[in-house]
Each structure stands twice: as structure tokens, then as C-alpha cells.
Amino acid sequence: MGGGRGSRRFSRERLKELSQAAIDALKEADEPQRRSVFISFATEDLDEVNLLRGQAKNENAGFVFIDRSLQEPFASERAEYIKQGIRQRINQSSVTLVYLTSNTAKSDWVDWEIQESVRLGKGVIGVYKGEGPPPQLPRAIVEIRAKLVPWTHRDIEEAIEKARSQRK
């Protein structure tokens, strides 16, 4: 009884290969998932949004995302052309992060970007700095009852993951 049938013997080299493959797989599982995120914000808040972008690139951050938002507005007065470019960026993303300040509710573009994100089946979250969200929120973010989270690495990471998994 014992022995030969069904039993495999691996060479030392093959065992080393399998061991290294297992180590590599475990390391990869520990790395944060890169998420493609469109950032919607009022232009008056560009400096703070750039800080958020910079923090996301920090290797020690608890979250990592690929920023698909426009770095600068399109150089065009034609709204449809601008919308087409923004729509393309939203479509390349899995989640739209709306940076919430006292300026955000005044922006027609932010409302449109939220509506377009929902239309394209993307998750939407709101992120605010400080004790709580501003009293005035974009109409679209209220209508869809998006999750609003404080600007902390852990909260943003969890909200992005949840919004990504619940998208339509």
C-alpha cells in the first residue's frame, strides 16, 4: 500500500520555483489595488485637489488610485466638446470622487459630472475636509444619496472600494 501511485516527487529546482511563485502571489495580494478614479471638483478648489492627488501618489498612503480627472479645463468654449472629453475620462474610471467644499454646490459642471457618472454606471462618493461636509451640497450628490466621508486615507480607500463594488 503506499508509495508510487498518485504521489509526485518534485526536484529541488521545481520546489524552489513553486515556493517563489507562492511568495510572489502573497506579496501581490498584500499590495493595494489600483483604482481608476475621476475627481469632480469646483475649479476654485484646484490647490486642495492637487494635494489630494499628491497624497494618493505617496507610497505610504493607505490607498492608491489612478487619477482620470482633467488636470486643466479643455481650452474650448463649446460645452459639448468639453462634455465629450469629461465623459471619456469618467468612462475610463470605476469611481467618481467628488471633493466637497463651500464652492462645490455652485458648480454646474460638478452636478453634470455626478449625473454622467451615474448614467455610465460608476460609483460616486463625496470627500470633505474637516469636521463635516459643507452645509450646501451639489443637488446630484444629495439625490443619489452618495456616501460622504472625511478626508482620511482609510475612509477614502474604503469608500472607493465600496462604491466600486456597488456600481451598476
N, C-alpha and C. Protein backbone atom coordinates (compact mmCIF):
# COMPACT_ATOMS: atom_id res chain seq x y z
N MET A 1 0.84 -1.15 0.00
CA MET A 1 0.00 0.00 0.00
C MET A 1 0.88 1.20 0.00
N GLY A 2 1.14 1.95 -0.09
CA GLY A 2 1.89 3.17 -0.01
C GLY A 2 2.61 3.44 -1.29
N GLY A 3 3.06 4.54 -1.36
CA GLY A 3 4.05 4.83 -2.35
C GLY A 3 3.59 5.38 -3.66
N GLY A 4 3.92 4.70 -4.68
CA GLY A 4 4.02 5.17 -6.03
C GLY A 4 2.83 5.85 -6.67
N ARG A 5 1.67 5.28 -6.59
CA ARG A 5 0.55 5.83 -7.36
C ARG A 5 0.02 7.12 -6.76
N GLY A 6 -0.16 8.12 -7.59
CA GLY A 6 -0.73 9.39 -7.15
C GLY A 6 0.27 10.26 -6.41
N SER A 7 1.40 9.79 -6.12
CA SER A 7 2.41 10.55 -5.38
C SER A 7 3.34 11.22 -6.37
N ARG A 8 3.64 12.50 -6.16
CA ARG A 8 4.53 13.22 -7.06
C ARG A 8 5.81 13.57 -6.33
N ARG A 9 6.86 13.54 -7.03
CA ARG A 9 8.13 13.98 -6.48
C ARG A 9 8.61 15.14 -7.35
N PHE A 10 8.97 16.24 -6.68
CA PHE A 10 9.46 17.42 -7.39
C PHE A 10 10.95 17.56 -7.15
N SER A 11 11.63 18.01 -8.15
CA SER A 11 13.06 18.28 -7.99
C SER A 11 13.23 19.50 -7.10
N ARG A 12 14.42 19.69 -6.57
CA ARG A 12 14.68 20.85 -5.73
C ARG A 12 14.42 22.15 -6.51
N GLU A 13 14.82 22.15 -7.76
CA GLU A 13 14.60 23.34 -8.59
C GLU A 13 13.12 23.65 -8.74
N ARG A 14 12.32 22.62 -8.98
CA ARG A 14 10.88 22.81 -9.15
C ARG A 14 10.24 23.28 -7.84
N LEU A 15 10.69 22.73 -6.71
CA LEU A 15 10.19 23.18 -5.42
C LEU A 15 10.52 24.64 -5.16
N LYS A 16 11.73 25.07 -5.55
CA LYS A 16 12.12 26.47 -5.40
C LYS A 16 11.24 27.36 -6.26
N GLU A 17 10.96 26.93 -7.49
CA GLU A 17 10.10 27.69 -8.39
C GLU A 17 8.69 27.85 -7.80
N LEU A 18 8.15 26.73 -7.32
CA LEU A 18 6.80 26.78 -6.73
C LEU A 18 6.77 27.65 -5.48
N SER A 19 7.81 27.55 -4.66
CA SER A 19 7.90 28.36 -3.45
C SER A 19 7.96 29.84 -3.80
N GLN A 20 8.77 30.20 -4.79
CA GLN A 20 8.89 31.60 -5.20
C GLN A 20 7.57 32.11 -5.79
N ALA A 21 6.88 31.27 -6.55
CA ALA A 21 5.59 31.66 -7.12
C ALA A 21 4.58 31.94 -6.00
N ALA A 22 4.60 31.13 -4.95
CA ALA A 22 3.70 31.34 -3.82
C ALA A 22 4.03 32.64 -3.09
N ILE A 23 5.31 32.91 -2.88
CA ILE A 23 5.75 34.14 -2.21
C ILE A 23 5.32 35.35 -3.04
N ASP A 24 5.53 35.30 -4.35
CA ASP A 24 5.14 36.40 -5.23
C ASP A 24 3.63 36.64 -5.19
N ALA A 25 2.84 35.56 -5.17
CA ALA A 25 1.39 35.69 -5.13
C ALA A 25 0.94 36.33 -3.82
N LEU A 26 1.57 35.97 -2.72
CA LEU A 26 1.22 36.57 -1.42
C LEU A 26 1.59 38.05 -1.37
N LYS A 27 2.74 38.40 -1.92
CA LYS A 27 3.14 39.81 -1.96
C LYS A 27 2.14 40.62 -2.77
N GLU A 28 1.75 40.09 -3.92
CA GLU A 28 0.81 40.80 -4.80
C GLU A 28 -0.53 41.00 -4.11
N ALA A 29 -0.97 39.99 -3.34
CA ALA A 29 -2.25 40.10 -2.63
C ALA A 29 -2.20 41.17 -1.56
N ASP A 30 -1.01 41.45 -0.99
CA ASP A 30 -0.87 42.46 0.05
C ASP A 30 -0.84 43.89 -0.49
N GLU A 31 -0.53 44.05 -1.78
CA GLU A 31 -0.43 45.38 -2.36
C GLU A 31 -1.81 45.98 -2.55
N PRO A 32 -1.96 47.31 -2.33
CA PRO A 32 -3.27 47.93 -2.54
C PRO A 32 -3.67 47.85 -4.00
N GLN A 33 -4.97 47.69 -4.23
CA GLN A 33 -5.47 47.65 -5.59
C GLN A 33 -5.49 49.05 -6.17
N ARG A 34 -5.07 49.18 -7.38
CA ARG A 34 -5.11 50.48 -8.03
C ARG A 34 -6.51 50.67 -8.59
N ARG A 35 -7.11 51.77 -8.24
CA ARG A 35 -8.45 52.08 -8.70
C ARG A 35 -8.42 53.31 -9.58
N SER A 36 -9.18 53.26 -10.63
CA SER A 36 -9.27 54.35 -11.56
C SER A 36 -10.37 55.30 -11.09
N VAL A 37 -9.97 56.52 -10.70
CA VAL A 37 -10.90 57.45 -10.06
C VAL A 37 -10.93 58.79 -10.82
N PHE A 38 -12.14 59.26 -11.10
CA PHE A 38 -12.32 60.59 -11.66
C PHE A 38 -12.62 61.52 -10.50
N ILE A 39 -11.92 62.65 -10.42
CA ILE A 39 -12.15 63.62 -9.35
C ILE A 39 -12.97 64.77 -9.90
N SER A 40 -14.13 65.00 -9.30
CA SER A 40 -15.01 66.10 -9.67
C SER A 40 -14.89 67.17 -8.60
N PHE A 41 -14.68 68.42 -9.02
CA PHE A 41 -14.46 69.50 -8.05
C PHE A 41 -14.71 70.85 -8.70
N ALA A 42 -14.91 71.84 -7.85
CA ALA A 42 -15.03 73.22 -8.33
C ALA A 42 -13.63 73.74 -8.61
N THR A 43 -13.47 74.49 -9.69
CA THR A 43 -12.14 74.98 -10.06
C THR A 43 -11.47 75.80 -8.98
N GLU A 44 -12.26 76.44 -8.12
CA GLU A 44 -11.68 77.23 -7.03
C GLU A 44 -10.92 76.36 -6.03
N ASP A 45 -11.16 75.06 -6.06
CA ASP A 45 -10.55 74.13 -5.11
C ASP A 45 -9.38 73.35 -5.70
N LEU A 46 -8.85 73.82 -6.82
CA LEU A 46 -7.79 73.09 -7.51
C LEU A 46 -6.57 72.83 -6.62
N ASP A 47 -6.15 73.80 -5.82
CA ASP A 47 -4.96 73.60 -4.97
C ASP A 47 -5.16 72.45 -3.99
N GLU A 48 -6.32 72.37 -3.36
CA GLU A 48 -6.58 71.28 -2.42
C GLU A 48 -6.71 69.94 -3.14
N VAL A 49 -7.30 69.94 -4.32
CA VAL A 49 -7.41 68.71 -5.11
C VAL A 49 -6.02 68.23 -5.52
N ASN A 50 -5.14 69.16 -5.85
CA ASN A 50 -3.77 68.76 -6.18
C ASN A 50 -3.07 68.13 -4.97
N LEU A 51 -3.39 68.60 -3.78
CA LEU A 51 -2.86 67.99 -2.56
C LEU A 51 -3.38 66.55 -2.43
N LEU A 52 -4.66 66.35 -2.68
CA LEU A 52 -5.25 65.01 -2.65
C LEU A 52 -4.57 64.11 -3.67
N ARG A 53 -4.36 64.62 -4.88
CA ARG A 53 -3.67 63.84 -5.92
C ARG A 53 -2.26 63.45 -5.45
N GLY A 54 -1.57 64.40 -4.84
CA GLY A 54 -0.21 64.14 -4.35
C GLY A 54 -0.20 63.10 -3.25
N GLN A 55 -1.15 63.17 -2.33
CA GLN A 55 -1.21 62.19 -1.25
C GLN A 55 -1.48 60.79 -1.79
N ALA A 56 -2.28 60.70 -2.83
CA ALA A 56 -2.60 59.40 -3.40
C ALA A 56 -1.38 58.77 -4.07
N LYS A 57 -0.42 59.59 -4.49
CA LYS A 57 0.79 59.06 -5.12
C LYS A 57 1.84 58.64 -4.10
N ASN A 58 1.66 59.01 -2.84
CA ASN A 58 2.58 58.65 -1.78
C ASN A 58 2.55 57.14 -1.57
N GLU A 59 3.71 56.50 -1.61
CA GLU A 59 3.78 55.05 -1.48
C GLU A 59 3.29 54.57 -0.12
N ASN A 60 3.34 55.42 0.91
CA ASN A 60 2.91 55.02 2.24
C ASN A 60 1.42 55.23 2.47
N ALA A 61 0.74 55.77 1.49
CA ALA A 61 -0.70 56.03 1.64
C ALA A 61 -1.45 54.72 1.74
N GLY A 62 -2.55 54.75 2.46
CA GLY A 62 -3.38 53.57 2.60
C GLY A 62 -4.23 53.30 1.37
N PHE A 63 -4.22 54.17 0.39
CA PHE A 63 -4.99 53.95 -0.84
C PHE A 63 -4.18 54.46 -2.02
N VAL A 64 -4.49 53.91 -3.15
CA VAL A 64 -3.83 54.31 -4.39
C VAL A 64 -4.93 54.40 -5.44
N PHE A 65 -4.93 55.45 -6.22
CA PHE A 65 -5.86 55.48 -7.34
C PHE A 65 -5.21 56.11 -8.55
N ILE A 66 -5.77 55.79 -9.68
CA ILE A 66 -5.31 56.36 -10.94
C ILE A 66 -6.23 57.52 -11.24
N ASP A 67 -5.69 58.71 -11.23
CA ASP A 67 -6.48 59.92 -11.40
C ASP A 67 -6.83 60.10 -12.88
N ARG A 68 -8.11 60.06 -13.19
CA ARG A 68 -8.57 60.24 -14.57
C ARG A 68 -9.19 61.61 -14.79
N SER A 69 -9.19 62.45 -13.75
CA SER A 69 -9.81 63.76 -13.91
C SER A 69 -8.96 64.64 -14.80
N LEU A 70 -9.58 65.70 -15.29
CA LEU A 70 -8.86 66.64 -16.14
C LEU A 70 -7.93 67.47 -15.27
N GLN A 71 -6.69 67.59 -15.67
CA GLN A 71 -5.74 68.39 -14.91
C GLN A 71 -6.00 69.88 -15.14
N GLU A 72 -6.45 70.21 -16.32
CA GLU A 72 -6.79 71.59 -16.66
C GLU A 72 -8.05 71.54 -17.52
N PRO A 73 -8.89 72.55 -17.44
CA PRO A 73 -10.09 72.55 -18.29
C PRO A 73 -9.71 72.55 -19.77
N PHE A 74 -10.56 71.95 -20.59
CA PHE A 74 -10.32 71.97 -22.03
C PHE A 74 -10.34 73.42 -22.51
N ALA A 75 -9.47 73.71 -23.44
CA ALA A 75 -9.39 75.07 -23.99
C ALA A 75 -10.44 75.23 -25.08
N SER A 76 -11.68 75.27 -24.68
CA SER A 76 -12.76 75.42 -25.64
C SER A 76 -13.96 76.05 -24.96
N GLU A 77 -14.66 76.88 -25.70
CA GLU A 77 -15.88 77.49 -25.18
C GLU A 77 -17.09 76.61 -25.48
N ARG A 78 -16.89 75.59 -26.26
CA ARG A 78 -18.01 74.74 -26.67
C ARG A 78 -18.31 73.69 -25.60
N ALA A 79 -19.44 73.80 -24.97
CA ALA A 79 -19.81 72.92 -23.87
C ALA A 79 -19.84 71.44 -24.28
N GLU A 80 -20.35 71.16 -25.47
CA GLU A 80 -20.44 69.76 -25.90
C GLU A 80 -19.05 69.14 -26.06
N TYR A 81 -18.11 69.90 -26.55
CA TYR A 81 -16.74 69.41 -26.70
C TYR A 81 -16.14 69.11 -25.32
N ILE A 82 -16.37 70.01 -24.38
CA ILE A 82 -15.87 69.82 -23.02
C ILE A 82 -16.52 68.59 -22.39
N LYS A 83 -17.84 68.46 -22.56
CA LYS A 83 -18.55 67.31 -22.01
C LYS A 83 -18.03 66.00 -22.59
N GLN A 84 -17.75 66.00 -23.88
CA GLN A 84 -17.24 64.79 -24.53
C GLN A 84 -15.92 64.36 -23.89
N GLY A 85 -15.03 65.30 -23.64
CA GLY A 85 -13.74 64.98 -23.02
C GLY A 85 -13.90 64.49 -21.58
N ILE A 86 -14.78 65.14 -20.83
CA ILE A 86 -15.02 64.73 -19.45
C ILE A 86 -15.69 63.35 -19.42
N ARG A 87 -16.67 63.15 -20.29
CA ARG A 87 -17.36 61.86 -20.36
C ARG A 87 -16.38 60.72 -20.62
N GLN A 88 -15.43 60.97 -21.50
CA GLN A 88 -14.42 59.95 -21.82
C GLN A 88 -13.60 59.61 -20.57
N ARG A 89 -13.21 60.62 -19.79
CA ARG A 89 -12.44 60.39 -18.56
C ARG A 89 -13.27 59.64 -17.52
N ILE A 90 -14.53 60.00 -17.38
CA ILE A 90 -15.41 59.30 -16.43
C ILE A 90 -15.56 57.85 -16.85
N ASN A 91 -15.74 57.63 -18.14
CA ASN A 91 -15.93 56.28 -18.66
C ASN A 91 -14.70 55.39 -18.41
N GLN A 92 -13.52 55.97 -18.34
CA GLN A 92 -12.29 55.22 -18.09
C GLN A 92 -12.12 54.89 -16.60
N SER A 93 -12.98 55.41 -15.77
CA SER A 93 -12.87 55.27 -14.32
C SER A 93 -13.91 54.30 -13.78
N SER A 94 -13.67 53.82 -12.56
CA SER A 94 -14.68 52.98 -11.92
C SER A 94 -15.46 53.75 -10.87
N VAL A 95 -14.87 54.84 -10.36
CA VAL A 95 -15.50 55.63 -9.30
C VAL A 95 -15.26 57.11 -9.56
N THR A 96 -16.26 57.93 -9.22
CA THR A 96 -16.10 59.38 -9.24
C THR A 96 -16.03 59.86 -7.80
N LEU A 97 -14.95 60.55 -7.46
CA LEU A 97 -14.77 61.14 -6.14
C LEU A 97 -15.09 62.62 -6.28
N VAL A 98 -16.08 63.09 -5.53
CA VAL A 98 -16.48 64.50 -5.57
C VAL A 98 -15.87 65.18 -4.36
N TYR A 99 -15.00 66.16 -4.61
CA TYR A 99 -14.39 66.89 -3.50
C TYR A 99 -15.36 67.99 -3.08
N LEU A 100 -15.82 67.92 -1.83
CA LEU A 100 -16.88 68.80 -1.34
C LEU A 100 -16.34 69.96 -0.52
N THR A 101 -16.65 71.18 -0.96
CA THR A 101 -16.32 72.40 -0.23
C THR A 101 -17.51 73.34 -0.36
N SER A 102 -17.38 74.52 0.17
CA SER A 102 -18.46 75.51 0.03
C SER A 102 -18.62 75.95 -1.43
N ASN A 103 -17.64 75.69 -2.28
CA ASN A 103 -17.71 76.06 -3.70
C ASN A 103 -18.42 75.02 -4.56
N THR A 104 -18.43 73.77 -4.12
CA THR A 104 -18.86 72.66 -4.98
C THR A 104 -20.31 72.78 -5.43
N ALA A 105 -21.20 73.15 -4.53
CA ALA A 105 -22.63 73.22 -4.87
C ALA A 105 -22.92 74.27 -5.93
N LYS A 106 -22.05 75.25 -6.09
CA LYS A 106 -22.26 76.32 -7.07
C LYS A 106 -21.85 75.91 -8.48
N SER A 107 -21.15 74.78 -8.61
CA SER A 107 -20.61 74.38 -9.91
C SER A 107 -21.61 73.55 -10.70
N ASP A 108 -21.99 74.05 -11.88
CA ASP A 108 -22.87 73.29 -12.77
C ASP A 108 -22.15 72.05 -13.29
N TRP A 109 -20.84 72.16 -13.49
CA TRP A 109 -20.06 71.04 -14.01
C TRP A 109 -20.06 69.87 -13.03
N VAL A 110 -19.95 70.13 -11.73
CA VAL A 110 -19.93 69.05 -10.75
C VAL A 110 -21.24 68.27 -10.80
N ASP A 111 -22.37 68.97 -10.81
CA ASP A 111 -23.67 68.28 -10.90
C ASP A 111 -23.73 67.42 -12.16
N TRP A 112 -23.32 67.98 -13.28
CA TRP A 112 -23.35 67.23 -14.53
C TRP A 112 -22.43 66.01 -14.45
N GLU A 113 -21.23 66.16 -13.87
CA GLU A 113 -20.28 65.05 -13.76
C GLU A 113 -20.84 63.93 -12.88
N ILE A 114 -21.53 64.29 -11.81
CA ILE A 114 -22.16 63.28 -10.95
C ILE A 114 -23.25 62.54 -11.73
N GLN A 115 -24.12 63.30 -12.41
CA GLN A 115 -25.20 62.69 -13.18
C GLN A 115 -24.65 61.78 -14.28
N GLU A 116 -23.59 62.24 -14.94
CA GLU A 116 -22.99 61.46 -16.02
C GLU A 116 -22.34 60.19 -15.46
N SER A 117 -21.72 60.30 -14.30
CA SER A 117 -21.11 59.13 -13.66
C SER A 117 -22.17 58.07 -13.36
N VAL A 118 -23.30 58.51 -12.83
CA VAL A 118 -24.39 57.58 -12.53
C VAL A 118 -24.92 56.97 -13.82
N ARG A 119 -25.13 57.81 -14.84
CA ARG A 119 -25.63 57.32 -16.12
C ARG A 119 -24.71 56.25 -16.72
N LEU A 120 -23.39 56.41 -16.50
CA LEU A 120 -22.41 55.46 -17.03
C LEU A 120 -22.16 54.29 -16.09
N GLY A 121 -22.91 54.22 -14.98
CA GLY A 121 -22.81 53.09 -14.07
C GLY A 121 -21.60 53.13 -13.14
N LYS A 122 -21.10 54.32 -12.85
CA LYS A 122 -19.92 54.46 -12.00
C LYS A 122 -20.34 54.70 -10.55
N GLY A 123 -19.51 54.26 -9.61
CA GLY A 123 -19.73 54.57 -8.21
C GLY A 123 -19.40 56.03 -7.96
N VAL A 124 -20.08 56.66 -7.00
CA VAL A 124 -19.84 58.07 -6.66
C VAL A 124 -19.72 58.19 -5.15
N ILE A 125 -18.67 58.89 -4.71
CA ILE A 125 -18.51 59.20 -3.28
C ILE A 125 -18.20 60.69 -3.14
N GLY A 126 -18.47 61.23 -1.96
CA GLY A 126 -18.13 62.61 -1.65
C GLY A 126 -17.06 62.61 -0.57
N VAL A 127 -16.06 63.47 -0.70
CA VAL A 127 -14.99 63.59 0.28
C VAL A 127 -14.92 65.03 0.75
N TYR A 128 -14.86 65.22 2.06
CA TYR A 128 -14.79 66.56 2.62
C TYR A 128 -13.62 66.64 3.59
N LYS A 129 -13.15 67.85 3.78
CA LYS A 129 -12.07 68.13 4.71
C LYS A 129 -12.68 68.74 5.97
N GLY A 130 -12.18 68.38 7.14
CA GLY A 130 -12.67 68.98 8.37
C GLY A 130 -13.66 68.10 9.10
N GLU A 131 -14.45 68.76 9.95
CA GLU A 131 -15.38 68.06 10.85
C GLU A 131 -16.57 67.42 10.14
N GLY A 132 -17.02 68.04 9.07
CA GLY A 132 -18.18 67.51 8.37
C GLY A 132 -18.31 68.14 7.01
N PRO A 133 -19.22 67.59 6.19
CA PRO A 133 -19.40 68.15 4.85
C PRO A 133 -19.95 69.57 4.93
N PRO A 134 -19.75 70.34 3.87
CA PRO A 134 -20.29 71.71 3.86
C PRO A 134 -21.82 71.66 3.92
N PRO A 135 -22.44 72.74 4.42
CA PRO A 135 -23.91 72.74 4.53
C PRO A 135 -24.60 72.65 3.17
N GLN A 136 -24.03 73.27 2.15
CA GLN A 136 -24.59 73.22 0.80
C GLN A 136 -23.87 72.11 0.02
N LEU A 137 -24.62 71.15 -0.48
CA LEU A 137 -24.06 70.06 -1.28
C LEU A 137 -24.60 70.14 -2.70
N PRO A 138 -23.86 69.60 -3.67
CA PRO A 138 -24.40 69.55 -5.04
C PRO A 138 -25.72 68.77 -5.04
N ARG A 139 -26.68 69.28 -5.76
CA ARG A 139 -28.01 68.66 -5.82
C ARG A 139 -27.92 67.19 -6.20
N ALA A 140 -27.09 66.86 -7.19
CA ALA A 140 -26.99 65.49 -7.69
C ALA A 140 -26.44 64.53 -6.63
N ILE A 141 -25.53 64.98 -5.79
CA ILE A 141 -24.96 64.08 -4.79
C ILE A 141 -25.98 63.77 -3.70
N VAL A 142 -26.86 64.73 -3.43
CA VAL A 142 -27.95 64.51 -2.47
C VAL A 142 -28.97 63.55 -3.06
N GLU A 143 -29.33 63.77 -4.33
CA GLU A 143 -30.33 62.93 -4.99
C GLU A 143 -29.92 61.47 -5.03
N ILE A 144 -28.66 61.19 -5.27
CA ILE A 144 -28.23 59.78 -5.37
C ILE A 144 -27.85 59.19 -4.02
N ARG A 145 -27.88 60.04 -2.99
CA ARG A 145 -27.52 59.60 -1.62
C ARG A 145 -26.13 58.97 -1.58
N ALA A 146 -25.18 59.67 -2.17
CA ALA A 146 -23.80 59.17 -2.20
C ALA A 146 -23.22 59.16 -0.80
N LYS A 147 -22.32 58.24 -0.57
CA LYS A 147 -21.63 58.17 0.72
C LYS A 147 -20.68 59.35 0.81
N LEU A 148 -20.71 60.04 1.94
CA LEU A 148 -19.83 61.18 2.20
C LEU A 148 -18.85 60.77 3.29
N VAL A 149 -17.56 60.97 3.04
CA VAL A 149 -16.54 60.55 4.01
C VAL A 149 -15.54 61.67 4.25
N PRO A 150 -14.94 61.68 5.43
CA PRO A 150 -13.89 62.68 5.70
C PRO A 150 -12.62 62.34 4.92
N TRP A 151 -11.78 63.33 4.74
CA TRP A 151 -10.53 63.20 4.01
C TRP A 151 -9.51 62.51 4.90
N THR A 152 -9.64 61.20 5.02
CA THR A 152 -8.63 60.37 5.67
C THR A 152 -8.33 59.23 4.72
N HIS A 153 -7.12 58.76 4.73
CA HIS A 153 -6.73 57.70 3.79
C HIS A 153 -7.63 56.48 3.93
N ARG A 154 -7.87 56.06 5.16
CA ARG A 154 -8.66 54.85 5.39
C ARG A 154 -10.10 55.02 4.91
N ASP A 155 -10.71 56.15 5.25
CA ASP A 155 -12.10 56.38 4.84
C ASP A 155 -12.24 56.47 3.32
N ILE A 156 -11.30 57.15 2.68
CA ILE A 156 -11.36 57.27 1.21
C ILE A 156 -11.16 55.91 0.56
N GLU A 157 -10.18 55.15 1.03
CA GLU A 157 -9.92 53.82 0.46
C GLU A 157 -11.15 52.93 0.59
N GLU A 158 -11.74 52.88 1.77
CA GLU A 158 -12.92 52.04 1.99
C GLU A 158 -14.10 52.49 1.14
N ALA A 159 -14.30 53.79 1.04
CA ALA A 159 -15.43 54.31 0.25
C ALA A 159 -15.24 54.02 -1.24
N ILE A 160 -14.02 54.15 -1.73
CA ILE A 160 -13.74 53.84 -3.15
C ILE A 160 -14.03 52.37 -3.42
N GLU A 161 -13.55 51.50 -2.56
CA GLU A 161 -13.77 50.06 -2.75
C GLU A 161 -15.26 49.72 -2.72
N LYS A 162 -15.97 50.29 -1.77
CA LYS A 162 -17.40 50.00 -1.64
C LYS A 162 -18.17 50.53 -2.86
N ALA A 163 -17.87 51.77 -3.27
CA ALA A 163 -18.54 52.36 -4.43
C ALA A 163 -18.23 51.58 -5.70
N ARG A 164 -17.00 51.11 -5.83
CA ARG A 164 -16.61 50.34 -7.00
C ARG A 164 -17.38 49.01 -7.06
N SER A 165 -17.51 48.36 -5.92
CA SER A 165 -18.17 47.06 -5.89
C SER A 165 -19.69 47.19 -6.05
N GLN A 166 -20.26 48.34 -5.72
CA GLN A 166 -21.71 48.52 -5.82
C GLN A 166 -22.15 49.20 -7.10
N ARG A 167 -21.22 49.54 -7.96
CA ARG A 167 -21.61 50.25 -9.18
C ARG A 167 -22.47 49.36 -10.06
N LYS A 168 -23.21 50.01 -10.93
CA LYS A 168 -24.17 49.28 -11.78
C LYS A 168 -23.57 48.93 -13.10
